[in-house]
PDB file of N, CA and C in Angstrom:
ATOM      1  N   MET A   1      -1.280 -21.606  26.993  1.00  0.00           N
ATOM      2  CA  MET A   1      -0.115 -22.016  26.250  1.00  0.00           C
ATOM      3  C   MET A   1      -0.211 -21.417  24.860  1.00  0.00           C
ATOM      4  N   SER A   2       0.866 -20.867  24.395  1.00  0.00           N
ATOM      5  CA  SER A   2       0.861 -20.288  23.056  1.00  0.00           C
ATOM      6  C   SER A   2       1.847 -21.042  22.175  1.00  0.00           C
ATOM      7  N   ALA A   3       1.566 -21.041  20.911  1.00  0.00           N
ATOM      8  CA  ALA A   3       2.424 -21.688  19.918  1.00  0.00           C
ATOM      9  C   ALA A   3       2.159 -21.037  18.573  1.00  0.00           C
ATOM     10  N   GLN A   4       3.066 -21.223  17.663  1.00  0.00           N
ATOM     11  CA  GLN A   4       2.875 -20.772  16.296  1.00  0.00           C
ATOM     12  C   GLN A   4       2.865 -22.001  15.402  1.00  0.00           C
ATOM     13  N   TYR A   5       2.009 -21.983  14.405  1.00  0.00           N
ATOM     14  CA  TYR A   5       1.869 -23.120  13.503  1.00  0.00           C
ATOM     15  C   TYR A   5       1.931 -22.625  12.072  1.00  0.00           C
ATOM     16  N   THR A   6       2.745 -23.258  11.262  1.00  0.00           N
ATOM     17  CA  THR A   6       2.819 -22.940   9.840  1.00  0.00           C
ATOM     18  C   THR A   6       2.237 -24.110   9.063  1.00  0.00           C
ATOM     19  N   PRO A   7       1.105 -23.897   8.405  1.00  0.00           N
ATOM     20  CA  PRO A   7       0.478 -24.998   7.662  1.00  0.00           C
ATOM     21  C   PRO A   7       1.304 -25.383   6.441  1.00  0.00           C
ATOM     22  N   THR A   8       1.180 -26.644   6.045  1.00  0.00           N
ATOM     23  CA  THR A   8       1.845 -27.115   4.833  1.00  0.00           C
ATOM     24  C   THR A   8       1.033 -26.685   3.615  1.00  0.00           C
ATOM     25  N   ALA A   9       1.649 -26.768   2.456  1.00  0.00           N
ATOM     26  CA  ALA A   9       0.945 -26.447   1.210  1.00  0.00           C
ATOM     27  C   ALA A   9      -0.250 -27.379   1.020  1.00  0.00           C
ATOM     28  N   ALA A  10      -0.094 -28.647   1.395  1.00  0.00           N
ATOM     29  CA  ALA A  10      -1.198 -29.608   1.256  1.00  0.00           C
ATOM     30  C   ALA A  10      -2.364 -29.238   2.168  1.00  0.00           C
ATOM     31  N   GLU A  11      -2.082 -28.769   3.381  1.00  0.00           N
ATOM     32  CA  GLU A  11      -3.148 -28.364   4.309  1.00  0.00           C
ATOM     33  C   GLU A  11      -3.887 -27.140   3.772  1.00  0.00           C
ATOM     34  N   ILE A  12      -3.135 -26.179   3.261  1.00  0.00           N
ATOM     35  CA  ILE A  12      -3.759 -24.981   2.692  1.00  0.00           C
ATOM     36  C   ILE A  12      -4.606 -25.372   1.495  1.00  0.00           C
ATOM     37  N   SER A  13      -4.077 -26.227   0.638  1.00  0.00           N
ATOM     38  CA  SER A  13      -4.797 -26.674  -0.549  1.00  0.00           C
ATOM     39  C   SER A  13      -6.082 -27.429  -0.199  1.00  0.00           C
ATOM     40  N   SER A  14      -6.047 -28.197   0.899  1.00  0.00           N
ATOM     41  CA  SER A  14      -7.237 -28.956   1.297  1.00  0.00           C
ATOM     42  C   SER A  14      -8.312 -28.060   1.900  1.00  0.00           C
ATOM     43  N   GLY A  15      -7.942 -26.847   2.313  1.00  0.00           N
ATOM     44  CA  GLY A  15      -8.917 -25.901   2.838  1.00  0.00           C
ATOM     45  C   GLY A  15      -8.989 -25.815   4.344  1.00  0.00           C
ATOM     46  N   SER A  16      -8.417 -26.784   5.055  1.00  0.00           N
ATOM     47  CA  SER A  16      -8.460 -26.716   6.522  1.00  0.00           C
ATOM     48  C   SER A  16      -7.492 -27.723   7.130  1.00  0.00           C
ATOM     49  N   VAL A  17      -7.253 -27.534   8.413  1.00  0.00           N
ATOM     50  CA  VAL A  17      -6.458 -28.472   9.204  1.00  0.00           C
ATOM     51  C   VAL A  17      -7.021 -28.454  10.621  1.00  0.00           C
ATOM     52  N   THR A  18      -7.020 -29.607  11.258  1.00  0.00           N
ATOM     53  CA  THR A  18      -7.459 -29.704  12.645  1.00  0.00           C
ATOM     54  C   THR A  18      -6.234 -29.948  13.512  1.00  0.00           C
ATOM     55  N   LEU A  19      -6.050 -29.100  14.517  1.00  0.00           N
ATOM     56  CA  LEU A  19      -4.929 -29.233  15.446  1.00  0.00           C
ATOM     57  C   LEU A  19      -5.462 -29.685  16.805  1.00  0.00           C
ATOM     58  N   THR A  20      -4.699 -30.534  17.463  1.00  0.00           N
ATOM     59  CA  THR A  20      -5.105 -31.088  18.748  1.00  0.00           C
ATOM     60  C   THR A  20      -4.105 -30.699  19.821  1.00  0.00           C
ATOM     61  N   MET A  21      -4.599 -30.232  20.957  1.00  0.00           N
ATOM     62  CA  MET A  21      -3.767 -29.949  22.130  1.00  0.00           C
ATOM     63  C   MET A  21      -4.103 -30.985  23.198  1.00  0.00           C
ATOM     64  N   THR A  22      -3.070 -31.644  23.725  1.00  0.00           N
ATOM     65  CA  THR A  22      -3.256 -32.711  24.705  1.00  0.00           C
ATOM     66  C   THR A  22      -2.457 -32.398  25.968  1.00  0.00           C
ATOM     67  N   THR A  23      -3.041 -32.673  27.116  1.00  0.00           N
ATOM     68  CA  THR A  23      -2.341 -32.435  28.376  1.00  0.00           C
ATOM     69  C   THR A  23      -1.183 -33.415  28.524  1.00  0.00           C
ATOM     70  N   THR A  24      -0.159 -32.981  29.237  1.00  0.00           N
ATOM     71  CA  THR A  24       0.988 -33.840  29.568  1.00  0.00           C
ATOM     72  C   THR A  24       1.272 -33.690  31.054  1.00  0.00           C
ATOM     73  N   GLY A  25       2.070 -34.569  31.602  1.00  0.00           N
ATOM     74  CA  GLY A  25       2.392 -34.499  33.031  1.00  0.00           C
ATOM     75  C   GLY A  25       1.145 -34.677  33.871  1.00  0.00           C
ATOM     76  N   ASN A  26       0.338 -35.657  33.540  1.00  0.00           N
ATOM     77  CA  ASN A  26      -0.956 -35.847  34.168  1.00  0.00           C
ATOM     78  C   ASN A  26      -0.916 -36.664  35.465  1.00  0.00           C
ATOM     79  N   GLY A  27       0.250 -37.138  35.855  1.00  0.00           N
ATOM     80  CA  GLY A  27       0.317 -37.989  37.043  1.00  0.00           C
ATOM     81  C   GLY A  27      -0.527 -39.241  36.828  1.00  0.00           C
ATOM     82  N   ASN A  28      -1.421 -39.546  37.761  1.00  0.00           N
ATOM     83  CA  ASN A  28      -2.289 -40.719  37.639  1.00  0.00           C
ATOM     84  C   ASN A  28      -3.550 -40.445  36.814  1.00  0.00           C
ATOM     85  N   CYS A  29      -3.705 -39.230  36.340  1.00  0.00           N
ATOM     86  CA  CYS A  29      -4.911 -38.865  35.580  1.00  0.00           C
ATOM     87  C   CYS A  29      -4.733 -39.179  34.094  1.00  0.00           C
ATOM     88  N   THR A  30      -5.836 -39.457  33.461  1.00  0.00           N
ATOM     89  CA  THR A  30      -5.843 -39.706  32.023  1.00  0.00           C
ATOM     90  C   THR A  30      -5.672 -38.383  31.278  1.00  0.00           C
ATOM     91  N   ALA A  31      -4.874 -38.390  30.224  1.00  0.00           N
ATOM     92  CA  ALA A  31      -4.685 -37.191  29.407  1.00  0.00           C
ATOM     93  C   ALA A  31      -6.006 -36.812  28.748  1.00  0.00           C
ATOM     94  N   VAL A  32      -6.214 -35.526  28.581  1.00  0.00           N
ATOM     95  CA  VAL A  32      -7.386 -35.013  27.878  1.00  0.00           C
ATOM     96  C   VAL A  32      -6.913 -34.098  26.761  1.00  0.00           C
ATOM     97  N   ASN A  33      -7.794 -33.892  25.771  1.00  0.00           N
ATOM     98  CA  ASN A  33      -7.396 -33.030  24.661  1.00  0.00           C
ATOM     99  C   ASN A  33      -8.588 -32.244  24.141  1.00  0.00           C
ATOM    100  N   ASP A  34      -8.267 -31.273  23.323  1.00  0.00           N
ATOM    101  CA  ASP A  34      -9.282 -30.478  22.631  1.00  0.00           C
ATOM    102  C   ASP A  34      -8.711 -30.141  21.262  1.00  0.00           C
ATOM    103  N   GLN A  35      -9.599 -29.826  20.331  1.00  0.00           N
ATOM    104  CA  GLN A  35      -9.179 -29.548  18.967  1.00  0.00           C
ATOM    105  C   GLN A  35      -9.645 -28.174  18.512  1.00  0.00           C
ATOM    106  N   VAL A  36      -8.917 -27.645  17.553  1.00  0.00           N
ATOM    107  CA  VAL A  36      -9.300 -26.399  16.899  1.00  0.00           C
ATOM    108  C   VAL A  36      -9.210 -26.629  15.384  1.00  0.00           C
ATOM    109  N   LEU A  37     -10.231 -26.179  14.668  1.00  0.00           N
ATOM    110  CA  LEU A  37     -10.261 -26.287  13.212  1.00  0.00           C
ATOM    111  C   LEU A  37      -9.803 -24.955  12.640  1.00  0.00           C
ATOM    112  N   ILE A  38      -8.799 -24.987  11.783  1.00  0.00           N
ATOM    113  CA  ILE A  38      -8.319 -23.789  11.098  1.00  0.00           C
ATOM    114  C   ILE A  38      -8.705 -23.929   9.629  1.00  0.00           C
ATOM    115  N   SER A  39      -9.485 -22.973   9.133  1.00  0.00           N
ATOM    116  CA  SER A  39      -9.923 -22.979   7.730  1.00  0.00           C
ATOM    117  C   SER A  39      -9.149 -21.918   6.960  1.00  0.00           C
ATOM    118  N   PHE A  40      -8.814 -22.231   5.732  1.00  0.00           N
ATOM    119  CA  PHE A  40      -8.054 -21.318   4.879  1.00  0.00           C
ATOM    120  C   PHE A  40      -8.947 -20.800   3.761  1.00  0.00           C
ATOM    121  N   THR A  41      -8.893 -19.498   3.531  1.00  0.00           N
ATOM    122  CA  THR A  41      -9.632 -18.890   2.430  1.00  0.00           C
ATOM    123  C   THR A  41      -8.634 -18.416   1.378  1.00  0.00           C
ATOM    124  N   ALA A  42      -9.120 -18.195   0.192  1.00  0.00           N
ATOM    125  CA  ALA A  42      -8.249 -17.725  -0.886  1.00  0.00           C
ATOM    126  C   ALA A  42      -7.695 -16.341  -0.564  1.00  0.00           C
ATOM    127  N   ALA A  43      -6.481 -16.092  -1.004  1.00  0.00           N
ATOM    128  CA  ALA A  43      -5.855 -14.777  -0.809  1.00  0.00           C
ATOM    129  C   ALA A  43      -6.572 -13.740  -1.672  1.00  0.00           C
ATOM    130  N   PRO A  44      -6.616 -12.483  -1.228  1.00  0.00           N
ATOM    131  CA  PRO A  44      -7.215 -11.429  -2.055  1.00  0.00           C
ATOM    132  C   PRO A  44      -6.461 -11.290  -3.386  1.00  0.00           C
ATOM    133  N   VAL A  45      -7.189 -10.806  -4.385  1.00  0.00           N
ATOM    134  CA  VAL A  45      -6.609 -10.577  -5.710  1.00  0.00           C
ATOM    135  C   VAL A  45      -6.896  -9.142  -6.116  1.00  0.00           C
ATOM    136  N   VAL A  46      -5.888  -8.467  -6.634  1.00  0.00           N
ATOM    137  CA  VAL A  46      -6.061  -7.098  -7.124  1.00  0.00           C
ATOM    138  C   VAL A  46      -5.593  -7.021  -8.575  1.00  0.00           C
ATOM    139  N   ASN A  47      -6.335  -6.257  -9.394  1.00  0.00           N
ATOM    140  CA  ASN A  47      -5.981  -6.048 -10.791  1.00  0.00           C
ATOM    141  C   ASN A  47      -6.090  -4.555 -11.055  1.00  0.00           C
ATOM    142  N   ALA A  48      -4.964  -3.906 -11.317  1.00  0.00           N
ATOM    143  CA  ALA A  48      -4.944  -2.456 -11.528  1.00  0.00           C
ATOM    144  C   ALA A  48      -5.402  -2.063 -12.926  1.00  0.00           C
ATOM    145  N   GLY A  49      -5.600  -3.029 -13.810  1.00  0.00           N
ATOM    146  CA  GLY A  49      -6.025  -2.728 -15.175  1.00  0.00           C
ATOM    147  C   GLY A  49      -4.849  -2.724 -16.129  1.00  0.00           C
ATOM    148  N   ALA A  50      -5.153  -2.459 -17.380  1.00  0.00           N
ATOM    149  CA  ALA A  50      -4.140  -2.465 -18.442  1.00  0.00           C
ATOM    150  C   ALA A  50      -3.291  -1.201 -18.395  1.00  0.00           C
ATOM    151  N   ALA A  51      -2.082  -1.298 -18.920  1.00  0.00           N
ATOM    152  CA  ALA A  51      -1.191  -0.135 -19.038  1.00  0.00           C
ATOM    153  C   ALA A  51      -1.821   0.878 -19.994  1.00  0.00           C
ATOM    154  N   VAL A  52      -1.535   2.167 -19.772  1.00  0.00           N
ATOM    155  CA  VAL A  52      -2.132   3.242 -20.567  1.00  0.00           C
ATOM    156  C   VAL A  52      -1.041   4.190 -21.041  1.00  0.00           C
ATOM    157  N   SER A  53      -1.127   4.630 -22.280  1.00  0.00           N
ATOM    158  CA  SER A  53      -0.237   5.668 -22.814  1.00  0.00           C
ATOM    159  C   SER A  53      -1.074   6.905 -23.066  1.00  0.00           C
ATOM    160  N   LEU A  54      -0.592   8.081 -22.600  1.00  0.00           N
ATOM    161  CA  LEU A  54      -1.344   9.328 -22.723  1.00  0.00           C
ATOM    162  C   LEU A  54      -0.466  10.429 -23.284  1.00  0.00           C
ATOM    163  N   CYS A  55      -1.092  11.431 -23.859  1.00  0.00           N
ATOM    164  CA  CYS A  55      -0.372  12.630 -24.303  1.00  0.00           C
ATOM    165  C   CYS A  55      -0.121  13.532 -23.106  1.00  0.00           C
ATOM    166  N   ALA A  56       1.012  14.163 -23.060  1.00  0.00           N
ATOM    167  CA  ALA A  56       1.370  15.035 -21.945  1.00  0.00           C
ATOM    168  C   ALA A  56       0.406  16.207 -21.802  1.00  0.00           C
ATOM    169  N   ASN A  57      -0.216  16.654 -22.897  1.00  0.00           N
ATOM    170  CA  ASN A  57      -1.136  17.792 -22.804  1.00  0.00           C
ATOM    171  C   ASN A  57      -2.589  17.354 -22.618  1.00  0.00           C
ATOM    172  N   ASN A  58      -2.823  16.061 -22.407  1.00  0.00           N
ATOM    173  CA  ASN A  58      -4.162  15.532 -22.143  1.00  0.00           C
ATOM    174  C   ASN A  58      -3.997  14.245 -21.325  1.00  0.00           C
ATOM    175  N   ALA A  59      -3.451  14.393 -20.126  1.00  0.00           N
ATOM    176  CA  ALA A  59      -2.985  13.230 -19.362  1.00  0.00           C
ATOM    177  C   ALA A  59      -3.954  12.731 -18.292  1.00  0.00           C
ATOM    178  N   LEU A  60      -5.203  13.202 -18.293  1.00  0.00           N
ATOM    179  CA  LEU A  60      -6.173  12.705 -17.323  1.00  0.00           C
ATOM    180  C   LEU A  60      -6.521  11.259 -17.660  1.00  0.00           C
ATOM    181  N   VAL A  61      -6.505  10.398 -16.663  1.00  0.00           N
ATOM    182  CA  VAL A  61      -6.822   8.992 -16.903  1.00  0.00           C
ATOM    183  C   VAL A  61      -7.783   8.503 -15.820  1.00  0.00           C
ATOM    184  N   SER A  62      -8.757   7.720 -16.215  1.00  0.00           N
ATOM    185  CA  SER A  62      -9.665   7.090 -15.253  1.00  0.00           C
ATOM    186  C   SER A  62      -9.109   5.717 -14.923  1.00  0.00           C
ATOM    187  N   LEU A  63      -8.955   5.440 -13.652  1.00  0.00           N
ATOM    188  CA  LEU A  63      -8.446   4.155 -13.190  1.00  0.00           C
ATOM    189  C   LEU A  63      -9.618   3.291 -12.764  1.00  0.00           C
ATOM    190  N   ASN A  64      -9.622   2.052 -13.197  1.00  0.00           N
ATOM    191  CA  ASN A  64     -10.731   1.153 -12.894  1.00  0.00           C
ATOM    192  C   ASN A  64     -10.204  -0.216 -12.475  1.00  0.00           C
ATOM    193  N   GLY A  65      -9.519  -0.260 -11.368  1.00  0.00           N
ATOM    194  CA  GLY A  65      -9.002  -1.526 -10.870  1.00  0.00           C
ATOM    195  C   GLY A  65     -10.092  -2.334 -10.185  1.00  0.00           C
ATOM    196  N   THR A  66      -9.805  -3.596  -9.963  1.00  0.00           N
ATOM    197  CA  THR A  66     -10.751  -4.468  -9.279  1.00  0.00           C
ATOM    198  C   THR A  66     -10.063  -5.179  -8.118  1.00  0.00           C
ATOM    199  N   VAL A  67     -10.841  -5.471  -7.095  1.00  0.00           N
ATOM    200  CA  VAL A  67     -10.368  -6.209  -5.934  1.00  0.00           C
ATOM    201  C   VAL A  67     -11.388  -7.300  -5.645  1.00  0.00           C
ATOM    202  N   THR A  68     -10.906  -8.519  -5.455  1.00  0.00           N
ATOM    203  CA  THR A  68     -11.778  -9.611  -5.033  1.00  0.00           C
ATOM    204  C   THR A  68     -11.160 -10.268  -3.803  1.00  0.00           C
ATOM    205  N   GLY A  69     -12.009 -10.778  -2.947  1.00  0.00           N
ATOM    206  CA  GLY A  69     -11.531 -11.455  -1.747  1.00  0.00           C
ATOM    207  C   GLY A  69     -11.121 -10.514  -0.633  1.00  0.00           C
ATOM    208  N   ALA A  70     -11.457  -9.230  -0.762  1.00  0.00           N
ATOM    209  CA  ALA A  70     -11.175  -8.224   0.277  1.00  0.00           C
ATOM    210  C   ALA A  70     -12.312  -7.210   0.242  1.00  0.00           C
ATOM    211  N   THR A  71     -12.447  -6.433   1.303  1.00  0.00           N
ATOM    212  CA  THR A  71     -13.540  -5.471   1.363  1.00  0.00           C
ATOM    213  C   THR A  71     -13.210  -4.140   0.722  1.00  0.00           C
ATOM    214  N   GLY A  72     -11.987  -3.940   0.251  1.00  0.00           N
ATOM    215  CA  GLY A  72     -11.650  -2.674  -0.382  1.00  0.00           C
ATOM    216  C   GLY A  72     -10.243  -2.675  -0.917  1.00  0.00           C
ATOM    217  N   GLY A  73      -9.845  -1.539  -1.445  1.00  0.00           N
ATOM    218  CA  GLY A  73      -8.515  -1.360  -1.993  1.00  0.00           C
ATOM    219  C   GLY A  73      -8.190   0.118  -2.019  1.00  0.00           C
ATOM    220  N   ALA A  74      -6.948   0.457  -2.256  1.00  0.00           N
ATOM    221  CA  ALA A  74      -6.543   1.863  -2.291  1.00  0.00           C
ATOM    222  C   ALA A  74      -5.450   2.047  -3.337  1.00  0.00           C
ATOM    223  N   TRP A  75      -5.562   3.098  -4.108  1.00  0.00           N
ATOM    224  CA  TRP A  75      -4.512   3.466  -5.056  1.00  0.00           C
ATOM    225  C   TRP A  75      -3.435   4.242  -4.311  1.00  0.00           C
ATOM    226  N   SER A  76      -2.199   4.100  -4.720  1.00  0.00           N
ATOM    227  CA  SER A  76      -1.102   4.871  -4.125  1.00  0.00           C
ATOM    228  C   SER A  76      -0.020   5.083  -5.170  1.00  0.00           C
ATOM    229  N   GLY A  77       0.899   5.978  -4.888  1.00  0.00           N
ATOM    230  CA  GLY A  77       1.979   6.305  -5.811  1.00  0.00           C
ATOM    231  C   GLY A  77       1.586   7.497  -6.663  1.00  0.00           C
ATOM    232  N   GLY A  78       2.537   8.214  -7.157  1.00  0.00           N
ATOM    233  CA  GLY A  78       2.237   9.403  -7.952  1.00  0.00           C
ATOM    234  C   GLY A  78       1.711  10.518  -7.066  1.00  0.00           C
ATOM    235  N   ALA A  79       1.782  11.745  -7.568  1.00  0.00           N
ATOM    236  CA  ALA A  79       1.349  12.897  -6.779  1.00  0.00           C
ATOM    237  C   ALA A  79       0.082  13.532  -7.336  1.00  0.00           C
ATOM    238  N   GLY A  80      -0.520  12.934  -8.355  1.00  0.00           N
ATOM    239  CA  GLY A  80      -1.618  13.604  -9.043  1.00  0.00           C
ATOM    240  C   GLY A  80      -3.020  13.130  -8.719  1.00  0.00           C
ATOM    241  N   PHE A  81      -3.200  12.372  -7.658  1.00  0.00           N
ATOM    242  CA  PHE A  81      -4.557  11.916  -7.342  1.00  0.00           C
ATOM    243  C   PHE A  81      -5.433  13.078  -6.912  1.00  0.00           C
ATOM    244  N   SER A  82      -6.630  13.199  -7.532  1.00  0.00           N
ATOM    245  CA  SER A  82      -7.566  14.229  -7.113  1.00  0.00           C
ATOM    246  C   SER A  82      -8.817  13.610  -6.513  1.00  0.00           C
ATOM    247  N   THR A  83      -9.250  12.472  -7.018  1.00  0.00           N
ATOM    248  CA  THR A  83     -10.415  11.783  -6.481  1.00  0.00           C
ATOM    249  C   THR A  83     -10.101  10.302  -6.453  1.00  0.00           C
ATOM    250  N   VAL A  84     -10.132   9.732  -5.263  1.00  0.00           N
ATOM    251  CA  VAL A  84      -9.866   8.293  -5.118  1.00  0.00           C
ATOM    252  C   VAL A  84     -10.987   7.696  -4.297  1.00  0.00           C
ATOM    253  N   GLU A  85     -11.630   6.692  -4.838  1.00  0.00           N
ATOM    254  CA  GLU A  85     -12.690   5.995  -4.123  1.00  0.00           C
ATOM    255  C   GLU A  85     -12.102   4.733  -3.525  1.00  0.00           C
ATOM    256  N   GLN A  86     -12.236   4.580  -2.227  1.00  0.00           N
ATOM    257  CA  GLN A  86     -11.812   3.368  -1.565  1.00  0.00           C
ATOM    258  C   GLN A  86     -13.038   2.623  -1.109  1.00  0.00           C
ATOM    259  N   ARG A  87     -13.299   1.494  -1.730  1.00  0.00           N
ATOM    260  CA  ARG A  87     -14.475   0.703  -1.367  1.00  0.00           C
ATOM    261  C   ARG A  87     -14.151  -0.179  -0.189  1.00  0.00           C
ATOM    262  N   ARG A  88     -15.062  -0.231   0.746  1.00  0.00           N
ATOM    263  CA  ARG A  88     -14.872  -1.061   1.937  1.00  0.00           C
ATOM    264  C   ARG A  88     -16.030  -1.973   2.097  1.00  0.00           C
TER     265      ARG A  88
END
């Protein structure tokens, strides 16, 4: 059986929710159930760094963004990338 579940803000804030699946249409048999624990982790955070102003005749810039809560990140946009390190 498949289903989709959308947790409430309170469930996400508490860090977890336990969901229970119970049999129905059991005839003379007693219903049985099982549970699944869903844990929530913080969303990843990315910081591209401060804005930079450069001279057109000396426009090389070193980018030093940070990523937390994920195994890596990637720069995109612009056509001038020559060296991009993607940490994983």
